[in-house]
Structure formats: C-alpha cells, structure tokens
Amino acid sequence: MSLIEIDHVTRLFDDPKRGSAVKALDDVSVHVARNEFLCLLGPSGCGKSTLLNLIAGFDKPTSGSVRVGGQSITAPGADRGVVFQQPTLMPWLTVWENVAFHLTMQGVGKEIRRKKAQHYIEMVNLKGFENHYPSELSGGMNQRVGIARALLMNPEVILMDEPFGALDEQTKMEMHAELVRIWRDSQSTIVFVTHGIEESLALGTHVAVMSARPGRIREMLTIDLPRPRDSTSPQFNDTKRRILQLLRPEPVEA
C-alpha cells in the first residue's frame, strides 16, 4: 500500500485582479510507497510547491484527496517534517537548540533535548558545531541543521522544497551525497521539489515530471540507476534526454 496517496487533486486560487480563478493543479494523482525518494520536477509556477503544501497540510485541495498513512490530511502533523528553501533557523539559538526546538515547545527537559539533538547533529555531520550560531555557519551547514531538525521529529515523510537552490554547485553535490546517506540511514520517505533535471536524477528513486501551469503529471519515471549516480553515464543521459522531451512546451490545441 502507498504511504502517500494523492488522488485527482485540483487546486484553484482566487485572483481578484484577473476576475477569475487561477488553476494551479489540474487532476493530479500520485502514489508514493514507503521509503521512496520522489522528486517533483517541472518549470517554475507549475504547482510543485503547491502540491508539497497539500501533503504538508499547509493548504487544502479544491477537489480530490490527499492521504498519508491512510489518513486524510487536513492540517500539519508530526508525521510530516518540512525542510524549506531557506533553513528558517532562530538566529539567537545554537545549532543544538535549533535542532531540538520541537522538543522545547513540548516542554522536554534540557538533558533529554540535548541527547536527542546530538544523534541527528551527528547524522548530518555537524559534530563539533553544536554550540555555534547560524551566523557562524555556511549556507550548506545551515541547511543540514534544518534537515536535522526535521529528522528529530521522526516523521514518516520528509518534504523538501528546493532546499539546495541557493547553494553553489560544489556544495550542492556534497549535499546530494549527504541527503542520500541520511535518507538510507533514517529509512524515511522523501518528496523533494526541484526544477533541476540533474538534481532529480542524482537523488530520486522516482521523478514525477510536471507540465506548465496548470500542473499535471506528464509522466512518472522510475530511476533505476546505481548509486552514486554518474552524470556522464549513457543511462543517466538517456533519462535526461527523456525528461527534456517531457519538459518541452505541449502543443497548443487548435
């Protein structure tokens, strides 16, 4: 059975200036099995982040249904951790305090918070930086803190909205390798929004290629490539060419 079930979802947004509704998503259906790594790939404005927000419970579909673990999604929940484009860390808190922030809100004692945070700090390779503040870290390190914070909640699903978009290419490649390792170690299910073809192929077990707005799923691709992924291999580039074909503008109907 699928862990995430998105069935015939359409999302309309009111647009008073246009005097009509804008259709962001159009009859989208996606099923994600446990422990899969799904990349949502498509052009800007195609509804990738809207779809992620529906899974997170930040938004609701106009029609259709979204379920996680068989339960309808009506609000955010601890079973879904979210990593945003920017780490959104509290600058006045240290690394371990940011990672353990969820536990602080629950009233958990400092000693337990510190111990639990340490496990995930080490998982994201930040041991030795526990007492640093966000301003003392690089952009990639701050994103690691955001990932550790999401992991500490022990969610079934981790939702990531272009978390590496602001990083340079070398740091991004390092983060790709780290994220794959973390995904394997944590046994989580990840849904990852990107507009980078090579990023989706470096990370995903599956890639859902979306059309321009209104967003639809043009094709769901299974990425059966050995890890670490070799971006120069014939198989990698064959799949890349297929995705490029899918991303071409669809012919306009007469």
Protein backbone atom coordinates (compact mmCIF):
# COMPACT_ATOMS: atom_id res chain seq x y z
CA MET A 1 0.00 0.00 0.00
CA SER A 2 1.19 3.52 -0.78
CA LEU A 3 2.22 5.73 2.10
CA ILE A 4 1.24 8.95 0.27
CA GLU A 5 -1.90 8.93 -1.87
CA ILE A 6 -2.81 11.97 -3.95
CA ASP A 7 -5.96 11.28 -5.95
CA HIS A 8 -7.44 13.56 -8.63
CA VAL A 9 -6.34 16.75 -6.88
CA THR A 10 -7.21 20.12 -8.36
CA ARG A 11 -6.30 23.41 -6.69
CA LEU A 12 -7.82 26.75 -7.68
CA PHE A 13 -6.72 30.11 -6.28
CA ASP A 14 -8.91 33.22 -6.37
CA ASP A 15 -7.38 36.08 -8.36
CA PRO A 16 -9.46 39.28 -7.90
CA LYS A 17 -7.25 41.25 -10.31
CA ARG A 18 -7.94 38.80 -13.13
CA GLY A 19 -11.54 38.42 -12.10
CA SER A 20 -11.26 34.64 -12.32
CA ALA A 21 -9.70 31.72 -10.52
CA VAL A 22 -6.17 30.51 -11.35
CA LYS A 23 -5.85 26.74 -11.68
CA ALA A 24 -2.52 25.73 -10.11
CA LEU A 25 -3.04 21.95 -10.22
CA ASP A 26 -5.29 20.00 -12.57
CA ASP A 27 -6.40 16.45 -11.72
CA VAL A 28 -3.10 15.32 -10.22
CA SER A 29 -2.75 11.75 -8.99
CA VAL A 30 0.48 10.49 -7.38
CA HIS A 31 1.11 7.50 -5.13
CA VAL A 32 4.38 7.20 -3.19
CA ALA A 33 5.43 3.96 -1.49
CA ARG A 34 7.22 3.84 1.86
CA ASN A 35 10.98 4.59 1.68
CA GLU A 36 10.77 6.02 -1.84
CA PHE A 37 12.52 9.24 -2.82
CA LEU A 38 10.19 11.13 -5.15
CA CYS A 39 11.38 14.25 -6.97
CA LEU A 40 8.72 16.65 -8.27
CA LEU A 41 10.26 18.23 -11.35
CA GLY A 42 8.82 20.94 -13.55
CA PRO A 43 9.03 24.54 -14.72
CA SER A 44 8.60 27.48 -12.35
CA GLY A 45 4.97 28.09 -11.47
CA CYS A 46 3.79 24.58 -12.36
CA GLY A 47 2.44 23.84 -8.87
CA LYS A 48 5.27 21.77 -7.38
CA SER A 49 5.33 23.72 -4.11
CA THR A 50 1.52 23.82 -4.05
CA LEU A 51 1.47 20.03 -4.20
CA LEU A 52 4.08 19.83 -1.43
CA ASN A 53 2.00 22.22 0.73
CA LEU A 54 -1.04 19.98 0.28
CA ILE A 55 0.92 16.98 1.57
CA ALA A 56 2.27 19.07 4.45
CA GLY A 57 -1.24 20.16 5.41
CA PHE A 58 -0.49 23.87 4.91
CA ASP A 59 -3.18 24.01 2.21
CA LYS A 60 -6.23 22.03 1.11
CA PRO A 61 -7.25 20.85 -2.37
CA THR A 62 -10.21 22.41 -4.14
CA SER A 63 -11.19 18.90 -5.16
CA GLY A 64 -9.67 15.44 -4.77
CA SER A 65 -7.98 13.91 -1.74
CA VAL A 66 -4.56 13.75 -0.05
CA ARG A 67 -3.81 10.93 2.40
CA VAL A 68 -0.70 9.91 4.32
CA GLY A 69 -0.71 6.52 6.01
CA GLY A 70 -4.36 6.14 5.07
CA GLN A 71 -5.36 9.31 6.94
CA SER A 72 -6.81 12.34 5.17
CA ILE A 73 -4.58 15.41 5.51
CA THR A 74 -6.38 18.43 6.95
CA ALA A 75 -3.55 20.13 8.89
CA PRO A 76 0.22 19.89 9.55
CA GLY A 77 1.33 16.93 11.66
CA ALA A 78 4.39 15.41 13.31
CA ASP A 79 4.31 12.55 10.78
CA ARG A 80 5.48 15.05 8.10
CA GLY A 81 8.70 17.03 8.51
CA VAL A 82 9.31 20.01 6.22
CA VAL A 83 12.61 21.48 5.02
CA PHE A 84 12.12 24.84 3.31
CA GLN A 85 14.12 26.70 0.63
CA GLN A 86 15.73 28.71 3.43
CA PRO A 87 16.65 26.98 6.72
CA THR A 88 14.41 29.36 8.79
CA LEU A 89 16.60 28.90 11.86
CA MET A 90 16.31 31.00 15.01
CA PRO A 91 19.48 33.14 14.91
CA TRP A 92 19.56 33.53 18.71
CA LEU A 93 19.67 29.75 19.26
CA THR A 94 22.68 27.48 18.87
CA VAL A 95 22.75 24.53 16.47
CA TRP A 96 21.61 22.00 19.05
CA GLU A 97 18.91 24.33 20.35
CA ASN A 98 17.57 24.85 16.81
CA VAL A 99 17.57 21.11 16.17
CA ALA A 100 15.74 20.44 19.45
CA PHE A 101 13.28 23.33 19.09
CA HIS A 102 10.32 20.98 18.60
CA LEU A 103 11.14 19.29 21.92
CA THR A 104 11.48 22.67 23.64
CA MET A 105 7.93 23.52 22.56
CA GLN A 106 6.79 20.24 24.11
CA GLY A 107 8.41 21.10 27.44
CA VAL A 108 11.04 18.33 27.28
CA GLY A 109 13.94 18.77 29.73
CA LYS A 110 17.29 20.16 28.58
CA GLU A 111 19.30 16.99 29.16
CA ILE A 112 16.94 14.85 27.05
CA ARG A 113 16.72 17.56 24.36
CA ARG A 114 20.50 17.75 24.12
CA LYS A 115 20.90 13.99 23.87
CA LYS A 116 18.24 13.59 21.17
CA ALA A 117 19.58 16.56 19.20
CA GLN A 118 23.12 15.16 19.30
CA HIS A 119 22.05 11.99 17.48
CA TYR A 120 20.75 13.96 14.49
CA ILE A 121 23.56 16.51 14.58
CA GLU A 122 25.97 13.63 14.10
CA MET A 123 23.74 12.12 11.40
CA VAL A 124 24.10 15.30 9.31
CA ASN A 125 27.87 15.51 10.01
CA LEU A 126 27.79 18.63 12.21
CA LYS A 127 29.52 17.17 15.26
CA GLY A 128 31.70 19.87 16.79
CA PHE A 129 29.35 22.68 15.76
CA GLU A 130 26.68 22.05 18.40
CA ASN A 131 27.24 25.40 20.14
CA HIS A 132 27.67 27.54 17.04
CA TYR A 133 25.03 30.05 15.96
CA PRO A 134 23.56 30.10 12.41
CA SER A 135 25.53 33.26 11.56
CA GLU A 136 28.74 31.33 12.19
CA LEU A 137 27.87 28.58 9.67
CA SER A 138 27.87 28.32 5.88
CA GLY A 139 24.64 28.06 3.89
CA GLY A 140 25.10 24.32 3.41
CA MET A 141 25.71 23.78 7.11
CA ASN A 142 22.58 25.73 8.00
CA GLN A 143 20.58 23.51 5.65
CA ARG A 144 22.00 20.49 7.47
CA VAL A 145 20.65 21.98 10.71
CA GLY A 146 17.23 22.31 9.06
CA ILE A 147 17.35 18.68 7.94
CA ALA A 148 18.41 17.51 11.42
CA ARG A 149 15.52 19.48 12.95
CA ALA A 150 13.06 17.76 10.60
CA LEU A 151 14.57 14.32 11.32
CA LEU A 152 14.33 14.76 15.08
CA MET A 153 10.55 14.74 14.79
CA ASN A 154 10.97 11.16 13.47
CA PRO A 155 8.48 11.76 10.64
CA GLU A 156 7.28 9.11 8.21
CA VAL A 157 7.59 11.67 5.42
CA ILE A 158 10.15 14.44 4.83
CA LEU A 159 9.02 17.20 2.46
CA MET A 160 11.75 19.34 0.90
CA ASP A 161 11.06 22.48 -1.14
CA GLU A 162 14.17 23.23 -3.26
CA PRO A 163 16.39 23.20 -0.15
CA PHE A 164 19.67 23.45 -2.11
CA GLY A 165 18.62 26.09 -4.63
CA ALA A 166 20.79 28.84 -3.11
CA LEU A 167 23.94 26.71 -2.82
CA ASP A 168 26.93 26.69 -5.18
CA GLU A 169 27.38 23.61 -7.38
CA GLN A 170 30.15 22.00 -5.32
CA THR A 171 28.25 22.38 -2.05
CA LYS A 172 25.09 21.16 -3.76
CA MET A 173 26.82 17.95 -4.91
CA GLU A 174 28.11 17.37 -1.38
CA MET A 175 24.60 17.90 0.00
CA HIS A 176 23.16 15.45 -2.54
CA ALA A 177 25.51 12.72 -1.31
CA GLU A 178 24.73 13.57 2.31
CA LEU A 179 20.98 13.56 1.72
CA VAL A 180 21.07 10.15 0.04
CA ARG A 181 23.05 8.78 3.01
CA ILE A 182 20.62 10.35 5.50
CA TRP A 183 17.62 9.01 3.57
CA ARG A 184 19.06 5.49 3.68
CA ASP A 185 20.01 5.71 7.36
CA SER A 186 16.69 7.21 8.51
CA GLN A 187 14.50 4.98 6.28
CA SER A 188 12.28 7.99 5.62
CA THR A 189 10.10 8.68 2.60
CA ILE A 190 11.14 11.90 0.87
CA VAL A 191 9.25 14.17 -1.52
CA PHE A 192 11.68 16.70 -3.00
CA VAL A 193 10.74 19.72 -5.13
CA THR A 194 13.27 20.77 -7.76
CA HIS A 195 13.49 22.38 -11.19
CA GLY A 196 16.91 20.82 -11.84
CA ILE A 197 16.94 17.74 -14.07
CA GLU A 198 20.37 16.55 -12.92
CA GLU A 199 19.41 17.13 -9.28
CA SER A 200 16.30 14.95 -9.68
CA LEU A 201 18.35 12.21 -11.33
CA ALA A 202 21.09 12.41 -8.68
CA LEU A 203 18.57 11.94 -5.86
CA GLY A 204 15.33 10.27 -6.81
CA THR A 205 14.10 6.72 -6.97
CA HIS A 206 11.23 8.26 -8.96
CA VAL A 207 10.77 11.54 -10.82
CA ALA A 208 7.30 12.99 -11.45
CA VAL A 209 7.64 15.31 -14.45
CA MET A 210 5.03 18.07 -14.30
CA SER A 211 3.61 20.25 -17.05
CA ALA A 212 3.48 24.04 -17.02
CA ARG A 213 0.51 25.59 -15.19
CA PRO A 214 -1.98 24.17 -14.64
CA GLY A 215 0.26 21.49 -13.20
CA ARG A 216 -0.38 17.93 -14.31
CA ILE A 217 1.77 14.82 -14.10
CA ARG A 218 3.10 14.26 -17.61
CA GLU A 219 4.98 11.11 -16.66
CA MET A 220 6.21 9.22 -13.61
CA LEU A 221 9.70 7.85 -14.22
CA THR A 222 11.37 5.10 -12.20
CA ILE A 223 15.09 5.93 -11.86
CA ASP A 224 16.89 2.61 -11.72
CA LEU A 225 20.47 3.85 -11.75
CA PRO A 226 23.29 2.64 -9.47
CA ARG A 227 24.45 4.95 -6.66
CA PRO A 228 26.41 7.10 -6.52
CA ARG A 229 24.87 8.36 -9.75
CA ASP A 230 27.29 9.06 -12.61
CA SER A 231 26.06 12.08 -14.58
CA THR A 232 28.31 11.14 -17.51
CA SER A 233 26.95 7.61 -17.96
CA PRO A 234 24.89 6.70 -21.05
CA GLN A 235 21.95 5.59 -18.88
CA PHE A 236 21.92 8.87 -16.96
CA ASN A 237 21.96 10.91 -20.15
CA ASP A 238 19.32 8.76 -21.83
CA THR A 239 16.98 9.50 -18.93
CA LYS A 240 17.95 13.17 -19.02
CA ARG A 241 17.02 13.36 -22.71
CA ARG A 242 13.66 11.74 -21.96
CA ILE A 243 12.93 14.34 -19.26
CA LEU A 244 13.96 17.16 -21.61
CA GLN A 245 11.43 15.86 -24.13
CA LEU A 246 8.72 15.82 -21.46
CA LEU A 247 9.54 19.38 -20.37
CA ARG A 248 9.12 20.80 -23.85
CA PRO A 249 6.01 23.00 -24.16
CA GLU A 250 2.98 20.97 -25.10
CA PRO A 251 1.42 21.76 -28.50
CA VAL A 252 -1.44 24.26 -28.30
CA GLU A 253 -4.75 22.79 -29.34
CA ALA A 254 -6.47 24.49 -32.28
